[in-house]
Protein backbone atom coordinates (compact mmCIF):
# COMPACT_ATOMS: atom_id res chain seq x y z
CA MET A 1 199.65 86.03 95.02
CA LYS A 2 196.10 87.27 94.54
CA ARG A 3 193.39 84.69 95.07
CA THR A 4 190.90 83.98 92.31
CA LEU A 5 187.16 84.54 92.78
CA ALA A 6 186.71 80.76 92.93
CA GLU A 7 189.24 80.51 95.76
CA LYS A 8 187.55 83.37 97.60
CA LYS A 9 184.16 81.66 97.17
CA ALA A 10 185.51 78.41 98.63
CA GLN A 11 186.89 80.29 101.61
CA LEU A 12 183.54 82.07 102.09
CA LEU A 13 181.69 78.73 102.13
CA ASP A 14 184.07 77.44 104.79
CA GLU A 15 183.44 80.59 106.81
CA LEU A 16 179.66 80.17 106.52
CA ARG A 17 179.95 76.60 107.82
CA SER A 18 182.03 77.83 110.76
CA LEU A 19 179.33 80.40 111.56
CA GLY A 20 176.62 77.75 111.82
CA ILE A 21 175.20 77.44 108.31
CA GLU A 22 174.59 73.69 108.28
CA ASP A 23 172.10 73.29 105.44
CA GLU A 24 174.12 71.84 102.56
CA ALA A 25 171.38 72.70 100.07
CA ILE A 26 171.82 76.39 100.93
CA LEU A 27 175.59 76.16 100.69
CA SER A 28 175.31 74.38 97.33
CA VAL A 29 173.04 77.08 95.93
CA ILE A 30 175.36 79.83 97.16
CA ASN A 31 178.28 77.99 95.58
CA SER A 32 176.43 77.90 92.24
CA ILE A 33 175.65 81.65 92.11
CA PRO A 34 178.09 84.23 90.69
CA ARG A 35 177.69 86.93 93.38
CA GLU A 36 179.96 89.21 91.36
CA ASP A 37 177.10 89.61 88.84
CA PHE A 38 174.97 91.34 91.48
CA ILE A 39 177.35 94.10 92.57
CA PRO A 40 178.92 97.13 90.88
CA ARG A 41 181.84 96.20 88.63
CA ALA A 42 184.27 98.28 90.70
CA LEU A 43 183.58 96.03 93.70
CA ARG A 44 183.90 92.73 91.82
CA ARG A 45 186.95 91.55 93.74
CA GLN A 46 185.02 91.98 97.00
CA ALA A 47 182.18 89.73 95.82
CA TYR A 48 183.08 86.86 98.15
CA GLU A 49 184.00 88.82 101.22
CA ASN A 50 181.57 88.18 104.04
CA ALA A 51 180.36 91.77 103.97
CA ALA A 52 177.44 93.88 102.83
CA LEU A 53 178.20 96.01 99.77
CA PRO A 54 176.55 99.10 98.26
CA ILE A 55 174.42 98.77 95.15
CA ASP A 56 172.35 101.30 93.20
CA SER A 57 169.47 103.41 94.58
CA GLY A 58 171.17 103.81 97.97
CA GLN A 59 170.58 100.14 98.82
CA THR A 60 172.91 97.28 99.79
CA ILE A 61 173.45 93.64 98.97
CA SER A 62 173.40 91.81 102.29
CA GLN A 63 176.37 90.09 103.89
CA PRO A 64 176.50 86.47 102.63
CA TYR A 65 176.19 85.16 106.18
CA ILE A 66 172.95 87.11 106.70
CA VAL A 67 171.60 85.85 103.35
CA ALA A 68 172.40 82.26 104.34
CA TYR A 69 171.17 82.69 107.92
CA MET A 70 167.80 84.19 106.98
CA THR A 71 167.36 81.54 104.30
CA GLN A 72 168.14 78.78 106.79
CA CYS A 73 165.60 80.26 109.23
CA LEU A 74 162.85 79.83 106.62
CA LYS A 75 163.21 76.01 106.55
CA LEU A 76 162.51 75.88 102.82
CA THR A 77 161.51 72.90 100.72
CA LYS A 78 161.01 72.51 96.98
CA LYS A 79 157.24 72.51 97.54
CA HIS A 80 157.10 76.03 98.95
CA LYS A 81 155.64 79.16 97.40
CA VAL A 82 157.66 82.10 98.72
CA LEU A 83 157.24 85.88 98.83
CA GLU A 84 160.32 88.11 99.04
CA VAL A 85 159.83 91.77 99.92
CA GLY A 86 162.78 93.78 98.60
CA THR A 87 164.35 92.29 95.46
CA GLY A 88 167.33 94.63 95.58
CA SER A 89 170.15 93.31 93.42
CA GLY A 90 168.36 89.99 93.04
CA TYR A 91 170.98 87.91 94.86
CA GLN A 92 168.79 86.80 97.76
CA ALA A 93 166.00 86.07 95.28
CA VAL A 94 168.22 83.69 93.32
CA VAL A 95 169.24 81.90 96.52
CA LEU A 96 165.58 81.45 97.47
CA ALA A 97 164.57 80.40 93.95
CA GLY A 98 167.13 77.60 94.06
CA LEU A 99 165.43 76.13 97.13
CA CYS A 100 161.69 76.62 96.55
CA ARG A 101 159.01 75.90 93.94
CA ARG A 102 158.01 79.47 93.09
CA LEU A 103 159.35 82.83 94.23
CA PHE A 104 157.38 86.06 94.03
CA THR A 105 159.54 89.12 94.69
CA ILE A 106 158.58 92.80 95.08
CA GLU A 107 160.84 95.83 94.61
CA ARG A 108 159.95 99.52 95.02
CA HIS A 109 162.96 100.84 93.04
CA LEU A 110 162.35 100.30 89.32
CA PRO A 111 166.04 100.52 88.28
CA LEU A 112 166.93 97.80 90.79
CA LEU A 113 164.08 95.59 89.61
CA ASN A 114 165.09 96.00 85.97
CA GLY A 115 168.67 95.08 86.82
CA ALA A 116 167.62 92.03 88.81
CA GLU A 117 165.31 90.82 86.04
CA ALA A 118 168.19 91.04 83.56
CA ILE A 119 170.33 88.84 85.82
CA PHE A 120 167.54 86.29 86.30
CA LYS A 121 167.30 86.02 82.52
CA LYS A 122 171.08 85.76 82.11
CA LEU A 123 171.22 82.95 84.69
CA ASN A 124 168.24 81.14 83.09
CA ILE A 125 166.14 81.23 86.26
CA PHE A 126 162.47 80.85 85.41
CA ASN A 127 160.66 80.26 88.73
CA ILE A 128 160.84 83.93 89.81
CA THR A 129 157.92 86.32 89.24
CA THR A 130 158.58 90.02 89.89
CA LEU A 131 156.44 93.00 90.84
CA PHE A 132 157.25 96.70 90.87
CA GLY A 133 155.33 97.86 93.91
CA ASN A 134 155.02 98.68 97.58
CA GLY A 135 156.29 95.69 99.54
CA MET A 136 154.47 96.74 102.71
CA LYS A 137 151.25 95.68 100.98
CA GLY A 138 152.61 92.29 100.02
CA TRP A 139 151.11 90.54 97.00
CA PRO A 140 147.50 89.71 97.93
CA GLU A 141 146.66 88.41 94.44
CA GLN A 142 149.20 85.61 94.90
CA ALA A 143 148.60 84.93 98.61
CA PRO A 144 148.76 82.85 100.69
CA PHE A 145 152.47 82.06 100.88
CA ASP A 146 154.25 79.19 102.62
CA ARG A 147 157.19 81.46 103.42
CA ILE A 148 157.82 85.23 103.43
CA MET A 149 161.21 86.93 103.63
CA VAL A 150 161.60 90.68 104.11
CA THR A 151 165.01 92.16 103.26
CA ALA A 152 164.58 95.63 104.78
CA ALA A 153 163.95 96.63 108.39
CA SER A 154 160.43 97.51 109.48
CA GLU A 155 159.74 99.38 112.72
CA GLU A 156 156.64 97.21 113.09
CA ILE A 157 155.69 93.89 111.52
CA PRO A 158 153.37 94.76 108.59
CA SER A 159 149.93 93.31 109.30
CA LYS A 160 149.21 92.85 105.59
CA LEU A 161 152.17 90.47 105.32
CA LEU A 162 150.99 88.44 108.31
CA GLU A 163 147.58 88.08 106.66
CA GLN A 164 149.24 86.63 103.54
CA LEU A 165 151.08 83.90 105.47
CA LYS A 166 149.63 80.41 105.13
CA GLU A 167 148.68 78.33 108.19
CA GLY A 168 151.94 76.82 109.45
CA GLY A 169 153.89 79.30 107.35
CA ILE A 170 157.04 81.16 108.39
CA MET A 171 158.07 84.77 107.90
CA VAL A 172 161.56 86.12 108.56
CA ILE A 173 161.90 89.90 108.88
CA PRO A 174 164.35 92.43 110.39
CA VAL A 175 162.48 94.60 112.90
CA GLY A 176 163.56 97.84 114.55
CA ALA A 177 164.11 101.54 113.92
CA GLN A 178 167.25 102.82 112.22
CA THR A 179 168.34 104.47 115.48
CA GLU A 180 168.17 101.28 117.54
CA THR A 181 169.34 97.70 117.41
CA GLN A 182 167.33 95.71 114.90
CA HIS A 183 166.70 91.99 115.21
CA ILE A 184 165.75 89.29 112.77
CA ILE A 185 162.37 87.97 113.88
CA ARG A 186 160.97 84.60 112.82
CA ILE A 187 157.17 84.39 112.88
CA THR A 188 155.28 81.11 112.58
CA ARG A 189 151.54 81.18 111.97
CA LYS A 190 149.46 78.83 114.11
CA GLY A 191 145.81 79.49 113.23
CA ASP A 192 145.10 83.05 114.33
CA ASP A 193 148.23 83.12 116.49
CA TYR A 194 151.66 84.29 115.35
CA ILE A 195 154.56 82.83 117.31
CA GLN A 196 157.57 85.17 117.36
CA GLU A 197 161.22 84.27 117.90
CA ASN A 198 163.79 87.01 118.43
CA LEU A 199 166.95 85.93 116.62
CA LEU A 200 170.05 87.74 115.38
CA PRO A 201 170.91 91.47 115.88
CA VAL A 202 171.36 93.11 112.45
CA LYS A 203 171.50 96.42 110.60
CA PHE A 204 169.31 96.74 107.49
CA VAL A 205 168.19 99.63 105.30
CA PRO A 206 164.66 100.78 106.22
CA MET A 207 161.50 99.38 104.71
CA LEU A 208 159.68 102.29 103.09
CA PRO A 209 156.28 102.75 101.45
CA GLY A 210 155.61 103.84 97.89
CA ILE A 211 157.55 103.24 94.70
CA VAL A 212 160.59 104.91 93.06
CA HIS A 213 160.82 105.06 89.25
CA GLU A 214 164.38 106.44 89.14
CA SER A 215 167.42 106.08 91.37
């Protein structure tokens, strides 16, 4: 007998717990979000598999474990002002928005941003502010941020993003070239110092400059 999406979601949450996602607030937010809304209709039945899936504009929606892991690494509270670089489908943005005070998210592909904005409206999420722009530049007009998450791999950590991180703030970013092993790096700002932790090996789409009006 085929399992329902609700049954698949419950199994996914159990799997995330077994993989070390211990923050119940994160698990609760993931449980509340219809991930099937963020992926192509043809892939709907795969919405709660622990796997990355293709979306429009040659991009992907990250594996749920990676979404939860990177979110957990940020150590979010409801007081935090957060920048996300790479809105994509909007799924990670909705997870973050459920755990912070305000989320500012940047996307360089206009069709993706339009699609994500439509989902935010459908889900009645009002603490997300979007920008169509070059994520490598961050969002200086809204800086500084308590937390920054980057959802595409950069060969180097963008200095402009470091500058926009508040004292004591945390940034989580995949770092590495497409031809080599990438790693999630957590950076904590201590005055003029940036403390780096090398975390999980991953594979992300590349972080690119500029903007794209059409897919």
